[in-house]
Every structure is written in C-alpha cells, then in structure tokens.
C-alpha cells in the first residue's frame, strides 16, 4: 500500500493505486491477489475496480442519509443533546462555542465579556488552543 503524501488515514488507496488495480484486473489478476498485494480487503478492491459495484454501494449509502423532515429534526435534537453533554464534560467547549456565537452576532458586533471573562482574554485562549476539546481517538 502506497500513501504518496496522503495524511488522511480513512483512504487506504490513492488515485495511482486505483489506476494500477484496474490495470491488474484487466490483465486477469484475481481480486484476492490484488487485495493481498495492497494489504487491503477484497471488498475495497471490488469497490474501486467494478463501476457497477461502486454505483450500488453509493446508492445504498444515499439511502442512509437523512432526508425526511422528521429525521432532520431528530438529528438536530440528538446533536443538541450531545452538545449539552460535551459542555458538561468539558466546559471550555461551551466557552469556545459562546465566543464564536458572540463574534458572529450582528446585533452586538463588539462584545466585551463572555462568561465573566474579557473577550480579548478568551480570544487569546482560543488562539493558544486552550479551548479545544481533546480527541479521544488519539493518545498523546
């Protein structure tokens, strides 16, 4: 597997890998041989080498997207509940959210304080990265 300057680990192959896999398929290599060569699953090879299979998978994924009004309102409700939980777990996320809201507020374009702190102090904290929520997927 070659990643050629790719930093996003969600993508297991890049464009040149896809082109090579398509070439190998046209030469008669099996899906499993290609998968073993690139250290990926056979489903990934099929997805990138078979246009019909990829179209079917995209259609399946499209069905999962929320399009109905009820689903959207349910998603908003779940997102708000998650945001409240995040604010309880890490109060600095609430401060960051309030800062961004206040800075984008057109009714009061020059806010002075946020949660009892001077706005310039909160902006300085944000610039230093102190208001970022930790990423639970990365151990530092």
C-alpha atoms as a PDB file:
ATOM      1  CA  UNK A   1       0.000   0.000   0.000  1.00  0.00           C
ATOM      2  CA  UNK A   2       1.429   3.361  -1.049  1.00  0.00           C
ATOM      3  CA  UNK A   3       0.143   6.548   0.508  1.00  0.00           C
ATOM      4  CA  UNK A   4       2.124   9.129  -1.530  1.00  0.00           C
ATOM      5  CA  UNK A   5       1.867  12.165   0.764  1.00  0.00           C
ATOM      6  CA  UNK A   6      -1.659  11.326   1.923  1.00  0.00           C
ATOM      7  CA  UNK A   7      -2.305  12.242   5.539  1.00  0.00           C
ATOM      8  CA  UNK A   8      -5.931  11.163   5.832  1.00  0.00           C
ATOM      9  CA  UNK A   9      -5.910   7.557   7.030  1.00  0.00           C
ATOM     10  CA  UNK A  10      -9.528   6.948   6.046  1.00  0.00           C
ATOM     11  CA  UNK A  11      -8.386   6.375   2.475  1.00  0.00           C
ATOM     12  CA  UNK A  12      -6.489   3.151   2.071  1.00  0.00           C
ATOM     13  CA  UNK A  13      -5.541   3.731  -1.556  1.00  0.00           C
ATOM     14  CA  UNK A  14      -4.779   6.751  -3.697  1.00  0.00           C
ATOM     15  CA  UNK A  15      -5.531   7.513  -7.335  1.00  0.00           C
ATOM     16  CA  UNK A  16      -2.428   5.804  -8.706  1.00  0.00           C
ATOM     17  CA  UNK A  17      -3.258   2.659  -6.681  1.00  0.00           C
ATOM     18  CA  UNK A  18      -6.785   2.637  -8.127  1.00  0.00           C
ATOM     19  CA  UNK A  19      -5.411   3.000 -11.651  1.00  0.00           C
ATOM     20  CA  UNK A  20      -2.950   0.159 -11.029  1.00  0.00           C
ATOM     21  CA  UNK A  21      -5.656  -2.089  -9.530  1.00  0.00           C
ATOM     22  CA  UNK A  22      -7.891  -1.507 -12.559  1.00  0.00           C
ATOM     23  CA  UNK A  23      -4.962  -2.385 -14.827  1.00  0.00           C
ATOM     24  CA  UNK A  24      -4.238  -5.573 -12.854  1.00  0.00           C
ATOM     25  CA  UNK A  25      -7.919  -6.583 -13.078  1.00  0.00           C
ATOM     26  CA  UNK A  26      -7.887  -6.068 -16.843  1.00  0.00           C
ATOM     27  CA  UNK A  27      -4.773  -8.257 -17.046  1.00  0.00           C
ATOM     28  CA  UNK A  28      -6.622 -11.093 -15.307  1.00  0.00           C
ATOM     29  CA  UNK A  29      -5.368 -10.901 -11.717  1.00  0.00           C
ATOM     30  CA  UNK A  30      -7.890 -12.058  -9.118  1.00  0.00           C
ATOM     31  CA  UNK A  31      -9.428  -9.687  -6.616  1.00  0.00           C
ATOM     32  CA  UNK A  32      -7.769 -11.564  -3.747  1.00  0.00           C
ATOM     33  CA  UNK A  33      -4.309 -11.330  -5.363  1.00  0.00           C
ATOM     34  CA  UNK A  34      -4.689  -7.584  -5.746  1.00  0.00           C
ATOM     35  CA  UNK A  35      -6.016  -7.237  -2.185  1.00  0.00           C
ATOM     36  CA  UNK A  36      -3.069  -9.169  -0.793  1.00  0.00           C
ATOM     37  CA  UNK A  37      -0.636  -7.050  -2.818  1.00  0.00           C
ATOM     38  CA  UNK A  38      -2.043  -3.762  -1.452  1.00  0.00           C
ATOM     39  CA  UNK A  39      -2.786  -5.129   2.040  1.00  0.00           C
ATOM     40  CA  UNK A  40      -6.479  -4.184   1.786  1.00  0.00           C
ATOM     41  CA  UNK A  41      -9.721  -6.137   1.796  1.00  0.00           C
ATOM     42  CA  UNK A  42     -11.123  -7.740  -1.318  1.00  0.00           C
ATOM     43  CA  UNK A  43     -14.257  -5.596  -0.880  1.00  0.00           C
ATOM     44  CA  UNK A  44     -12.111  -2.473  -1.278  1.00  0.00           C
ATOM     45  CA  UNK A  45     -10.647  -3.854  -4.494  1.00  0.00           C
ATOM     46  CA  UNK A  46     -14.100  -4.678  -5.860  1.00  0.00           C
ATOM     47  CA  UNK A  47     -15.346  -1.214  -4.917  1.00  0.00           C
ATOM     48  CA  UNK A  48     -12.568   0.550  -6.822  1.00  0.00           C
ATOM     49  CA  UNK A  49     -12.352  -1.780  -9.826  1.00  0.00           C
ATOM     50  CA  UNK A  50     -16.018  -2.509 -10.521  1.00  0.00           C
ATOM     51  CA  UNK A  51     -18.096   0.517 -11.547  1.00  0.00           C
ATOM     52  CA  UNK A  52     -21.373  -1.367 -11.131  1.00  0.00           C
ATOM     53  CA  UNK A  53     -20.477  -2.398  -7.589  1.00  0.00           C
ATOM     54  CA  UNK A  54     -19.407   1.154  -6.672  1.00  0.00           C
ATOM     55  CA  UNK A  55     -22.679   2.598  -8.039  1.00  0.00           C
ATOM     56  CA  UNK A  56     -24.646   0.057  -5.994  1.00  0.00           C
ATOM     57  CA  UNK A  57     -22.700   0.936  -2.826  1.00  0.00           C
ATOM     58  CA  UNK A  58     -23.203   4.673  -3.388  1.00  0.00           C
ATOM     59  CA  UNK A  59     -26.958   4.122  -3.806  1.00  0.00           C
ATOM     60  CA  UNK A  60     -27.023   2.104  -0.582  1.00  0.00           C
ATOM     61  CA  UNK A  61     -25.177   4.867   1.272  1.00  0.00           C
ATOM     62  CA  UNK A  62     -27.508   7.506  -0.157  1.00  0.00           C
ATOM     63  CA  UNK A  63     -30.454   5.710   1.449  1.00  0.00           C
ATOM     64  CA  UNK A  64     -28.793   6.111   4.836  1.00  0.00           C
ATOM     65  CA  UNK A  65     -28.717   9.883   4.575  1.00  0.00           C
ATOM     66  CA  UNK A  66     -31.434  11.716   6.424  1.00  0.00           C
ATOM     67  CA  UNK A  67     -33.762  13.421   4.001  1.00  0.00           C
ATOM     68  CA  UNK A  68     -37.140  13.371   5.719  1.00  0.00           C
ATOM     69  CA  UNK A  69     -38.140  16.326   7.847  1.00  0.00           C
ATOM     70  CA  UNK A  70     -38.733  14.100  10.885  1.00  0.00           C
ATOM     71  CA  UNK A  71     -35.260  12.593  10.562  1.00  0.00           C
ATOM     72  CA  UNK A  72     -33.648  16.014  10.342  1.00  0.00           C
ATOM     73  CA  UNK A  73     -35.454  17.287  13.427  1.00  0.00           C
ATOM     74  CA  UNK A  74     -34.470  14.094  15.259  1.00  0.00           C
ATOM     75  CA  UNK A  75     -30.841  14.623  14.238  1.00  0.00           C
ATOM     76  CA  UNK A  76     -30.930  18.219  15.492  1.00  0.00           C
ATOM     77  CA  UNK A  77     -32.382  17.050  18.801  1.00  0.00           C
ATOM     78  CA  UNK A  78     -29.658  14.373  19.154  1.00  0.00           C
ATOM     79  CA  UNK A  79     -26.933  16.885  18.235  1.00  0.00           C
ATOM     80  CA  UNK A  80     -28.172  19.359  20.840  1.00  0.00           C
ATOM     81  CA  UNK A  81     -28.221  16.625  23.495  1.00  0.00           C
ATOM     82  CA  UNK A  82     -24.671  15.644  22.564  1.00  0.00           C
ATOM     83  CA  UNK A  83     -23.559  19.283  22.690  1.00  0.00           C
ATOM     84  CA  UNK A  84     -25.035  19.658  26.189  1.00  0.00           C
ATOM     85  CA  UNK A  85     -23.204  16.533  27.323  1.00  0.00           C
ATOM     86  CA  UNK A  86     -19.949  17.815  25.819  1.00  0.00           C
ATOM     87  CA  UNK A  87     -20.438  21.152  27.612  1.00  0.00           C
ATOM     88  CA  UNK A  88     -20.786  19.320  30.920  1.00  0.00           C
ATOM     89  CA  UNK A  89     -17.747  17.090  30.284  1.00  0.00           C
ATOM     90  CA  UNK A  90     -15.510  19.902  29.049  1.00  0.00           C
ATOM     91  CA  UNK A  91     -16.765  23.403  29.904  1.00  0.00           C
ATOM     92  CA  UNK A  92     -14.160  25.006  27.613  1.00  0.00           C
ATOM     93  CA  UNK A  93     -16.190  23.815  24.600  1.00  0.00           C
ATOM     94  CA  UNK A  94     -19.100  25.940  25.825  1.00  0.00           C
ATOM     95  CA  UNK A  95     -16.786  28.936  26.152  1.00  0.00           C
ATOM     96  CA  UNK A  96     -15.470  28.386  22.615  1.00  0.00           C
ATOM     97  CA  UNK A  97     -18.996  27.999  21.240  1.00  0.00           C
ATOM     98  CA  UNK A  98     -20.152  31.156  23.026  1.00  0.00           C
ATOM     99  CA  UNK A  99     -17.120  33.064  21.711  1.00  0.00           C
ATOM    100  CA  UNK A 100     -17.821  32.047  18.126  1.00  0.00           C
ATOM    101  CA  UNK A 101     -21.504  32.928  18.504  1.00  0.00           C
ATOM    102  CA  UNK A 102     -20.741  36.329  20.026  1.00  0.00           C
ATOM    103  CA  UNK A 103     -18.164  37.198  17.368  1.00  0.00           C
ATOM    104  CA  UNK A 104     -20.674  36.349  14.627  1.00  0.00           C
ATOM    105  CA  UNK A 105     -23.556  38.217  16.295  1.00  0.00           C
ATOM    106  CA  UNK A 106     -24.739  41.091  14.116  1.00  0.00           C
ATOM    107  CA  UNK A 107     -26.823  42.738  16.877  1.00  0.00           C
ATOM    108  CA  UNK A 108     -23.808  43.265  19.161  1.00  0.00           C
ATOM    109  CA  UNK A 109     -20.707  43.371  16.950  1.00  0.00           C
ATOM    110  CA  UNK A 110     -18.350  44.368  19.809  1.00  0.00           C
ATOM    111  CA  UNK A 111     -18.907  42.064  22.784  1.00  0.00           C
ATOM    112  CA  UNK A 112     -16.990  42.945  25.944  1.00  0.00           C
ATOM    113  CA  UNK A 113     -17.221  39.787  28.068  1.00  0.00           C
ATOM    114  CA  UNK A 114     -18.012  36.075  27.854  1.00  0.00           C
ATOM    115  CA  UNK A 115     -18.938  34.162  30.984  1.00  0.00           C
ATOM    116  CA  UNK A 116     -17.399  36.948  33.093  1.00  0.00           C
ATOM    117  CA  UNK A 117     -14.097  36.980  31.177  1.00  0.00           C
ATOM    118  CA  UNK A 118     -12.821  39.743  28.942  1.00  0.00           C
ATOM    119  CA  UNK A 119     -13.314  38.954  25.277  1.00  0.00           C
ATOM    120  CA  UNK A 120      -9.658  39.575  24.398  1.00  0.00           C
ATOM    121  CA  UNK A 121      -8.571  37.059  27.064  1.00  0.00           C
ATOM    122  CA  UNK A 122     -10.937  34.433  25.661  1.00  0.00           C
ATOM    123  CA  UNK A 123      -9.721  35.100  22.091  1.00  0.00           C
ATOM    124  CA  UNK A 124      -6.139  34.705  23.344  1.00  0.00           C
ATOM    125  CA  UNK A 125      -7.066  31.379  24.973  1.00  0.00           C
ATOM    126  CA  UNK A 126      -8.610  30.227  21.693  1.00  0.00           C
ATOM    127  CA  UNK A 127      -5.527  31.276  19.710  1.00  0.00           C
ATOM    128  CA  UNK A 128      -3.320  29.277  22.090  1.00  0.00           C
ATOM    129  CA  UNK A 129      -5.557  26.219  21.561  1.00  0.00           C
ATOM    130  CA  UNK A 130      -6.732  26.074  25.166  1.00  0.00           C
ATOM    131  CA  UNK A 131     -10.406  25.894  24.194  1.00  0.00           C
ATOM    132  CA  UNK A 132     -10.064  22.820  22.000  1.00  0.00           C
ATOM    133  CA  UNK A 133     -11.730  19.627  23.138  1.00  0.00           C
ATOM    134  CA  UNK A 134      -9.386  16.672  23.438  1.00  0.00           C
ATOM    135  CA  UNK A 135      -9.572  13.951  20.814  1.00  0.00           C
ATOM    136  CA  UNK A 136     -10.395  10.641  22.464  1.00  0.00           C
ATOM    137  CA  UNK A 137      -9.127   8.697  19.452  1.00  0.00           C
ATOM    138  CA  UNK A 138      -5.577   9.981  19.743  1.00  0.00           C
ATOM    139  CA  UNK A 139      -3.331   9.226  22.707  1.00  0.00           C
ATOM    140  CA  UNK A 140      -0.739  11.923  23.281  1.00  0.00           C
END
